[in-house]
Amino acid sequence: MAQRYTSRYDFLSNHTIKIAVVIILLAFVLVTLIWKPFIGLLLIIFCSLGILAYTVRVSPNKCPSCHRDGRELETKEYIRQIQDEVPSILYQDHYRCKYCKHRWEGELYTQDDAE
């Protein structure tokens, strides 16, 4: 079940890509620091905040409330849908954080997406 999330966010777990992005940003920032120090300092701050916000937002196992890695599957909901006279079943997982007890809903998906 968690496989469909990890395949979607596989690029985040690849440390080589993370390191490459950091090296490119550092090279850009160093060139900017030599050229215009004030702009370079602002770039360092905004790039750091942007990377931090992106990783917190995109990580699938993190709680949207406390941002800790505490996602647990609480229930799985089956939703019947009729679209153009073709019945289909959609699934939606409901999660709960084991640390702060926050509850949230996952994305809707079909049986094909789960496999």
N, C-alpha and C. Protein backbone atom coordinates (compact mmCIF):
# COMPACT_ATOMS: atom_id res chain seq x y z
N MET A 1 0.83 -1.18 0.00
CA MET A 1 0.00 0.00 0.00
C MET A 1 0.88 1.25 0.00
N ALA A 2 1.90 1.30 0.79
CA ALA A 2 2.77 2.48 0.82
C ALA A 2 3.63 2.56 -0.44
N GLN A 3 3.66 1.48 -1.22
CA GLN A 3 4.47 1.45 -2.42
C GLN A 3 4.05 2.52 -3.44
N ARG A 4 2.76 2.77 -3.55
CA ARG A 4 2.32 3.75 -4.53
C ARG A 4 2.80 5.15 -4.17
N TYR A 5 3.02 5.43 -2.89
CA TYR A 5 3.55 6.73 -2.50
C TYR A 5 5.04 6.81 -2.75
N THR A 6 5.76 5.77 -2.42
CA THR A 6 7.20 5.82 -2.58
C THR A 6 7.58 5.87 -4.06
N SER A 7 6.82 5.22 -4.93
CA SER A 7 7.16 5.29 -6.34
C SER A 7 6.92 6.70 -6.88
N ARG A 8 5.92 7.39 -6.34
CA ARG A 8 5.62 8.73 -6.78
C ARG A 8 6.70 9.71 -6.33
N TYR A 9 7.28 9.49 -5.19
CA TYR A 9 8.27 10.41 -4.63
C TYR A 9 9.65 9.79 -4.62
N ASP A 10 9.93 8.95 -5.58
CA ASP A 10 11.20 8.25 -5.61
C ASP A 10 12.37 9.20 -5.77
N PHE A 11 12.18 10.29 -6.52
CA PHE A 11 13.28 11.21 -6.75
C PHE A 11 13.75 11.88 -5.47
N LEU A 12 12.89 11.98 -4.46
CA LEU A 12 13.29 12.61 -3.20
C LEU A 12 14.21 11.72 -2.39
N SER A 13 14.09 10.40 -2.56
CA SER A 13 14.92 9.50 -1.78
C SER A 13 16.30 9.31 -2.41
N ASN A 14 16.48 9.81 -3.62
CA ASN A 14 17.76 9.66 -4.30
C ASN A 14 18.71 10.75 -3.80
N HIS A 15 19.70 10.34 -3.01
CA HIS A 15 20.62 11.30 -2.39
C HIS A 15 21.52 11.98 -3.42
N THR A 16 21.79 11.32 -4.53
CA THR A 16 22.65 11.90 -5.55
C THR A 16 22.02 13.17 -6.12
N ILE A 17 20.71 13.13 -6.35
CA ILE A 17 20.02 14.30 -6.89
C ILE A 17 20.02 15.43 -5.87
N LYS A 18 19.80 15.08 -4.59
CA LYS A 18 19.82 16.11 -3.55
C LYS A 18 21.19 16.79 -3.48
N ILE A 19 22.24 15.99 -3.52
CA ILE A 19 23.60 16.53 -3.43
C ILE A 19 23.90 17.39 -4.65
N ALA A 20 23.46 16.96 -5.84
CA ALA A 20 23.69 17.74 -7.05
C ALA A 20 22.99 19.09 -6.99
N VAL A 21 21.76 19.09 -6.50
CA VAL A 21 21.01 20.35 -6.38
C VAL A 21 21.70 21.29 -5.40
N VAL A 22 22.16 20.75 -4.29
CA VAL A 22 22.85 21.59 -3.29
C VAL A 22 24.15 22.14 -3.86
N ILE A 23 24.91 21.34 -4.60
CA ILE A 23 26.17 21.81 -5.19
C ILE A 23 25.91 22.91 -6.21
N ILE A 24 24.89 22.73 -7.05
CA ILE A 24 24.56 23.76 -8.04
C ILE A 24 24.14 25.05 -7.35
N LEU A 25 23.31 24.94 -6.32
CA LEU A 25 22.88 26.14 -5.59
C LEU A 25 24.06 26.83 -4.90
N LEU A 26 24.95 26.03 -4.31
CA LEU A 26 26.11 26.62 -3.65
C LEU A 26 27.03 27.32 -4.65
N ALA A 27 27.23 26.72 -5.82
CA ALA A 27 28.06 27.36 -6.83
C ALA A 27 27.45 28.68 -7.28
N PHE A 28 26.15 28.67 -7.48
CA PHE A 28 25.46 29.90 -7.88
C PHE A 28 25.56 30.97 -6.80
N VAL A 29 25.38 30.55 -5.57
CA VAL A 29 25.43 31.50 -4.45
C VAL A 29 26.85 32.04 -4.27
N LEU A 30 27.87 31.20 -4.40
CA LEU A 30 29.25 31.68 -4.24
C LEU A 30 29.62 32.68 -5.33
N VAL A 31 29.20 32.41 -6.56
CA VAL A 31 29.47 33.37 -7.64
C VAL A 31 28.77 34.69 -7.35
N THR A 32 27.53 34.58 -6.85
CA THR A 32 26.78 35.80 -6.54
C THR A 32 27.39 36.53 -5.35
N LEU A 33 27.91 35.80 -4.36
CA LEU A 33 28.56 36.45 -3.21
C LEU A 33 29.79 37.24 -3.63
N ILE A 34 30.55 36.71 -4.57
CA ILE A 34 31.73 37.42 -5.04
C ILE A 34 31.31 38.65 -5.85
N TRP A 35 30.25 38.50 -6.63
CA TRP A 35 29.82 39.59 -7.50
C TRP A 35 29.05 40.66 -6.74
N LYS A 36 28.00 40.24 -6.01
CA LYS A 36 27.17 41.16 -5.22
C LYS A 36 26.88 40.49 -3.88
N PRO A 37 27.60 40.83 -2.82
CA PRO A 37 27.45 40.13 -1.54
C PRO A 37 26.05 40.17 -0.94
N PHE A 38 25.36 41.28 -1.02
CA PHE A 38 24.04 41.38 -0.40
C PHE A 38 23.03 40.46 -1.09
N ILE A 39 23.08 40.42 -2.41
CA ILE A 39 22.17 39.54 -3.15
C ILE A 39 22.50 38.08 -2.86
N GLY A 40 23.77 37.76 -2.73
CA GLY A 40 24.17 36.40 -2.42
C GLY A 40 23.68 35.95 -1.06
N LEU A 41 23.75 36.83 -0.09
CA LEU A 41 23.25 36.51 1.25
C LEU A 41 21.75 36.25 1.23
N LEU A 42 21.02 37.07 0.50
CA LEU A 42 19.57 36.84 0.37
C LEU A 42 19.28 35.52 -0.34
N LEU A 43 20.08 35.19 -1.36
CA LEU A 43 19.89 33.91 -2.06
C LEU A 43 20.12 32.72 -1.13
N ILE A 44 21.15 32.81 -0.28
CA ILE A 44 21.41 31.72 0.66
C ILE A 44 20.21 31.51 1.57
N ILE A 45 19.66 32.59 2.09
CA ILE A 45 18.53 32.48 3.02
C ILE A 45 17.31 31.91 2.31
N PHE A 46 16.96 32.46 1.14
CA PHE A 46 15.75 32.00 0.45
C PHE A 46 15.89 30.58 -0.10
N CYS A 47 17.06 30.21 -0.59
CA CYS A 47 17.27 28.84 -1.08
C CYS A 47 17.16 27.84 0.07
N SER A 48 17.73 28.18 1.21
CA SER A 48 17.65 27.28 2.37
C SER A 48 16.21 27.10 2.82
N LEU A 49 15.48 28.20 2.92
CA LEU A 49 14.07 28.11 3.32
C LEU A 49 13.24 27.37 2.29
N GLY A 50 13.52 27.58 1.02
CA GLY A 50 12.78 26.89 -0.04
C GLY A 50 13.01 25.40 -0.03
N ILE A 51 14.25 24.98 0.14
CA ILE A 51 14.55 23.54 0.19
C ILE A 51 13.91 22.91 1.42
N LEU A 52 13.98 23.58 2.55
CA LEU A 52 13.37 23.06 3.78
C LEU A 52 11.86 22.94 3.63
N ALA A 53 11.21 23.97 3.11
CA ALA A 53 9.76 23.94 2.94
C ALA A 53 9.35 22.87 1.93
N TYR A 54 10.13 22.69 0.88
CA TYR A 54 9.79 21.70 -0.15
C TYR A 54 9.88 20.29 0.41
N THR A 55 10.93 19.98 1.15
CA THR A 55 11.08 18.63 1.68
C THR A 55 10.03 18.33 2.74
N VAL A 56 9.66 19.31 3.54
CA VAL A 56 8.62 19.09 4.55
C VAL A 56 7.27 18.88 3.88
N ARG A 57 6.99 19.65 2.83
CA ARG A 57 5.69 19.58 2.18
C ARG A 57 5.53 18.30 1.38
N VAL A 58 6.57 17.83 0.70
CA VAL A 58 6.44 16.74 -0.24
C VAL A 58 6.56 15.36 0.41
N SER A 59 7.24 15.25 1.51
CA SER A 59 7.47 13.95 2.12
C SER A 59 6.15 13.27 2.47
N PRO A 60 5.89 12.08 1.95
CA PRO A 60 4.58 11.45 2.11
C PRO A 60 4.30 10.89 3.50
N ASN A 61 5.32 10.60 4.29
CA ASN A 61 5.10 10.00 5.60
C ASN A 61 5.01 11.02 6.73
N LYS A 62 5.19 12.28 6.41
CA LYS A 62 5.18 13.29 7.46
C LYS A 62 3.78 13.79 7.73
N CYS A 63 3.53 14.07 8.98
CA CYS A 63 2.24 14.62 9.41
C CYS A 63 2.15 16.07 8.95
N PRO A 64 1.03 16.47 8.34
CA PRO A 64 0.91 17.86 7.91
C PRO A 64 0.83 18.85 9.07
N SER A 65 0.56 18.37 10.26
CA SER A 65 0.43 19.25 11.41
C SER A 65 1.75 19.44 12.14
N CYS A 66 2.36 18.35 12.59
CA CYS A 66 3.59 18.48 13.38
C CYS A 66 4.86 18.21 12.56
N HIS A 67 4.73 17.76 11.31
CA HIS A 67 5.84 17.51 10.38
C HIS A 67 6.80 16.43 10.87
N ARG A 68 6.31 15.52 11.70
CA ARG A 68 7.14 14.40 12.14
C ARG A 68 6.76 13.16 11.33
N ASP A 69 7.65 12.21 11.31
CA ASP A 69 7.45 11.01 10.50
C ASP A 69 6.60 10.00 11.28
N GLY A 70 5.29 10.27 11.40
CA GLY A 70 4.46 9.43 12.24
C GLY A 70 3.17 8.97 11.59
N ARG A 71 3.14 8.86 10.26
CA ARG A 71 1.91 8.48 9.56
C ARG A 71 1.59 7.01 9.80
N GLU A 72 0.35 6.75 10.23
CA GLU A 72 -0.15 5.39 10.39
C GLU A 72 -1.50 5.29 9.68
N LEU A 73 -1.71 4.17 9.00
CA LEU A 73 -2.99 3.96 8.32
C LEU A 73 -4.07 3.69 9.36
N GLU A 74 -5.13 4.48 9.31
CA GLU A 74 -6.22 4.30 10.26
C GLU A 74 -7.35 3.49 9.63
N THR A 75 -7.88 3.93 8.52
CA THR A 75 -8.95 3.21 7.81
C THR A 75 -8.75 3.36 6.31
N LYS A 76 -9.40 2.47 5.57
CA LYS A 76 -9.40 2.55 4.11
C LYS A 76 -10.86 2.65 3.68
N GLU A 77 -11.16 3.64 2.87
CA GLU A 77 -12.54 3.89 2.46
C GLU A 77 -12.71 3.48 0.99
N TYR A 78 -13.82 2.81 0.70
CA TYR A 78 -14.15 2.42 -0.66
C TYR A 78 -15.28 3.32 -1.15
N ILE A 79 -15.08 3.95 -2.29
CA ILE A 79 -16.06 4.89 -2.82
C ILE A 79 -16.52 4.38 -4.18
N ARG A 80 -17.83 4.14 -4.31
CA ARG A 80 -18.38 3.73 -5.62
C ARG A 80 -18.69 4.97 -6.43
N GLN A 81 -18.30 4.92 -7.68
CA GLN A 81 -18.51 6.07 -8.54
C GLN A 81 -19.03 5.58 -9.89
N ILE A 82 -20.02 6.28 -10.43
CA ILE A 82 -20.54 5.95 -11.75
C ILE A 82 -20.24 7.13 -12.65
N GLN A 83 -19.43 6.87 -13.67
CA GLN A 83 -19.02 7.93 -14.58
C GLN A 83 -19.28 7.46 -16.00
N ASP A 84 -20.12 8.17 -16.75
CA ASP A 84 -20.52 7.79 -18.11
C ASP A 84 -21.08 6.38 -18.13
N GLU A 85 -21.93 6.07 -17.17
CA GLU A 85 -22.61 4.79 -17.02
C GLU A 85 -21.66 3.61 -16.81
N VAL A 86 -20.43 3.90 -16.40
CA VAL A 86 -19.45 2.85 -16.09
C VAL A 86 -19.14 2.93 -14.61
N PRO A 87 -19.52 1.90 -13.85
CA PRO A 87 -19.22 1.95 -12.41
C PRO A 87 -17.73 1.69 -12.16
N SER A 88 -17.21 2.37 -11.19
CA SER A 88 -15.82 2.15 -10.78
C SER A 88 -15.73 2.33 -9.28
N ILE A 89 -14.69 1.76 -8.72
CA ILE A 89 -14.46 1.86 -7.27
C ILE A 89 -13.18 2.63 -7.04
N LEU A 90 -13.29 3.65 -6.22
CA LEU A 90 -12.13 4.44 -5.81
C LEU A 90 -11.82 4.14 -4.36
N TYR A 91 -10.57 4.25 -4.00
CA TYR A 91 -10.13 4.01 -2.63
C TYR A 91 -9.53 5.29 -2.07
N GLN A 92 -9.69 5.46 -0.78
CA GLN A 92 -9.07 6.59 -0.09
C GLN A 92 -8.64 6.12 1.29
N ASP A 93 -7.36 6.35 1.60
CA ASP A 93 -6.82 5.98 2.90
C ASP A 93 -6.96 7.15 3.87
N HIS A 94 -7.24 6.83 5.11
CA HIS A 94 -7.30 7.84 6.17
C HIS A 94 -6.16 7.55 7.13
N TYR A 95 -5.39 8.57 7.45
CA TYR A 95 -4.20 8.42 8.26
C TYR A 95 -4.34 9.16 9.58
N ARG A 96 -3.50 8.73 10.53
CA ARG A 96 -3.42 9.39 11.83
C ARG A 96 -1.96 9.45 12.24
N CYS A 97 -1.56 10.58 12.79
CA CYS A 97 -0.18 10.74 13.27
C CYS A 97 -0.06 10.08 14.64
N LYS A 98 0.99 9.28 14.81
CA LYS A 98 1.16 8.60 16.10
C LYS A 98 1.71 9.52 17.18
N TYR A 99 2.17 10.71 16.80
CA TYR A 99 2.70 11.64 17.79
C TYR A 99 1.67 12.66 18.26
N CYS A 100 1.03 13.36 17.31
CA CYS A 100 0.10 14.42 17.71
C CYS A 100 -1.36 14.04 17.50
N LYS A 101 -1.62 12.83 17.02
CA LYS A 101 -2.99 12.29 16.81
C LYS A 101 -3.78 13.07 15.76
N HIS A 102 -3.11 13.84 14.91
CA HIS A 102 -3.79 14.57 13.83
C HIS A 102 -4.29 13.56 12.79
N ARG A 103 -5.49 13.79 12.25
CA ARG A 103 -6.06 12.90 11.23
C ARG A 103 -6.13 13.64 9.90
N TRP A 104 -5.85 12.91 8.79
CA TRP A 104 -5.99 13.48 7.46
C TRP A 104 -6.29 12.37 6.46
N GLU A 105 -6.75 12.81 5.28
CA GLU A 105 -7.13 11.88 4.22
C GLU A 105 -6.05 11.85 3.15
N GLY A 106 -5.84 10.67 2.59
CA GLY A 106 -4.92 10.53 1.47
C GLY A 106 -5.62 10.84 0.16
N GLU A 107 -4.90 10.64 -0.94
CA GLU A 107 -5.45 10.90 -2.26
C GLU A 107 -6.40 9.77 -2.67
N LEU A 108 -7.31 10.08 -3.57
CA LEU A 108 -8.16 9.04 -4.15
C LEU A 108 -7.33 8.27 -5.17
N TYR A 109 -7.53 6.95 -5.21
CA TYR A 109 -6.81 6.14 -6.19
C TYR A 109 -7.66 4.93 -6.57
N THR A 110 -7.32 4.32 -7.70
CA THR A 110 -8.02 3.12 -8.16
C THR A 110 -7.20 1.90 -7.79
N GLN A 111 -7.74 0.74 -8.05
CA GLN A 111 -7.03 -0.50 -7.73
C GLN A 111 -5.76 -0.62 -8.57
N ASP A 112 -5.79 -0.10 -9.81
CA ASP A 112 -4.61 -0.15 -10.67
C ASP A 112 -3.47 0.69 -10.10
N ASP A 113 -3.79 1.83 -9.48
CA ASP A 113 -2.76 2.67 -8.87
C ASP A 113 -2.12 2.00 -7.67
N ALA A 114 -2.88 1.18 -6.95
CA ALA A 114 -2.38 0.54 -5.73
C ALA A 114 -1.37 -0.56 -6.04
N GLU A 115 -1.44 -1.12 -7.21
CA GLU A 115 -0.55 -2.25 -7.55
C GLU A 115 0.77 -1.83 -8.06
